[in-house]
Amino acid sequence: MSRRIRALFALLVVSFALSAAACADATGPRHGCDVNNSNTCQ
């Protein structure tokens, strides 16, 4: 039973890490062209 609880906990930690990484990626700064200033396009 202890092995099953440990596996469930590991799965929970991995899913939390993946969702946190996806959230950080979605809300992070965006690189690219600034439409208000053409000098910042790269």
C-alpha atoms as a PDB file:
ATOM      1  CA  MET A   1       0.000   0.000   0.000  1.00  0.00           C
ATOM      2  CA  SER A   2       2.869   2.355   0.764  1.00  0.00           C
ATOM      3  CA  ARG A   3       4.263   1.857  -2.730  1.00  0.00           C
ATOM      4  CA  ARG A   4       0.929   2.863  -4.259  1.00  0.00           C
ATOM      5  CA  ILE A   5       0.778   6.041  -2.155  1.00  0.00           C
ATOM      6  CA  ARG A   6       4.326   6.946  -3.168  1.00  0.00           C
ATOM      7  CA  ALA A   7       3.519   6.409  -6.838  1.00  0.00           C
ATOM      8  CA  LEU A   8       0.403   8.558  -6.528  1.00  0.00           C
ATOM      9  CA  PHE A   9       2.389  11.302  -4.810  1.00  0.00           C
ATOM     10  CA  ALA A  10       5.074  11.192  -7.523  1.00  0.00           C
ATOM     11  CA  LEU A  11       2.398  11.453 -10.211  1.00  0.00           C
ATOM     12  CA  LEU A  12       0.851  14.409  -8.423  1.00  0.00           C
ATOM     13  CA  VAL A  13       4.218  16.192  -8.195  1.00  0.00           C
ATOM     14  CA  VAL A  14       4.966  15.595 -11.879  1.00  0.00           C
ATOM     15  CA  SER A  15       1.548  16.816 -12.991  1.00  0.00           C
ATOM     16  CA  PHE A  16       1.891  19.918 -10.811  1.00  0.00           C
ATOM     17  CA  ALA A  17       5.324  20.655 -12.271  1.00  0.00           C
ATOM     18  CA  LEU A  18       4.059  20.276 -15.825  1.00  0.00           C
ATOM     19  CA  SER A  19       1.042  22.499 -15.231  1.00  0.00           C
ATOM     20  CA  ALA A  20       3.186  25.148 -13.531  1.00  0.00           C
ATOM     21  CA  ALA A  21       5.617  25.115 -16.454  1.00  0.00           C
ATOM     22  CA  ALA A  22       2.754  25.423 -18.953  1.00  0.00           C
ATOM     23  CA  CYS A  23       1.263  28.321 -17.006  1.00  0.00           C
ATOM     24  CA  ALA A  24       4.606  30.111 -16.806  1.00  0.00           C
ATOM     25  CA  ASP A  25       5.098  29.610 -20.540  1.00  0.00           C
ATOM     26  CA  ALA A  26       1.655  30.999 -21.342  1.00  0.00           C
ATOM     27  CA  THR A  27       2.015  34.062 -19.129  1.00  0.00           C
ATOM     28  CA  GLY A  28       5.683  34.831 -19.788  1.00  0.00           C
ATOM     29  CA  PRO A  29       7.013  37.776 -21.761  1.00  0.00           C
ATOM     30  CA  ARG A  30       6.547  37.581 -25.514  1.00  0.00           C
ATOM     31  CA  HIS A  31       9.482  38.284 -27.778  1.00  0.00           C
ATOM     32  CA  GLY A  32       8.999  39.645 -31.236  1.00  0.00           C
ATOM     33  CA  CYS A  33       7.796  42.769 -32.948  1.00  0.00           C
ATOM     34  CA  ASP A  34       6.406  45.672 -31.013  1.00  0.00           C
ATOM     35  CA  VAL A  35       3.716  47.035 -33.317  1.00  0.00           C
ATOM     36  CA  ASN A  36       4.017  50.507 -31.806  1.00  0.00           C
ATOM     37  CA  ASN A  37       7.749  50.836 -32.447  1.00  0.00           C
ATOM     38  CA  SER A  38       9.190  49.357 -35.640  1.00  0.00           C
ATOM     39  CA  ASN A  39      12.750  49.786 -34.319  1.00  0.00           C
ATOM     40  CA  THR A  40      12.264  46.899 -31.906  1.00  0.00           C
ATOM     41  CA  CYS A  41      11.435  44.323 -34.590  1.00  0.00           C
ATOM     42  CA  GLN A  42      13.967  41.497 -34.735  1.00  0.00           C
END
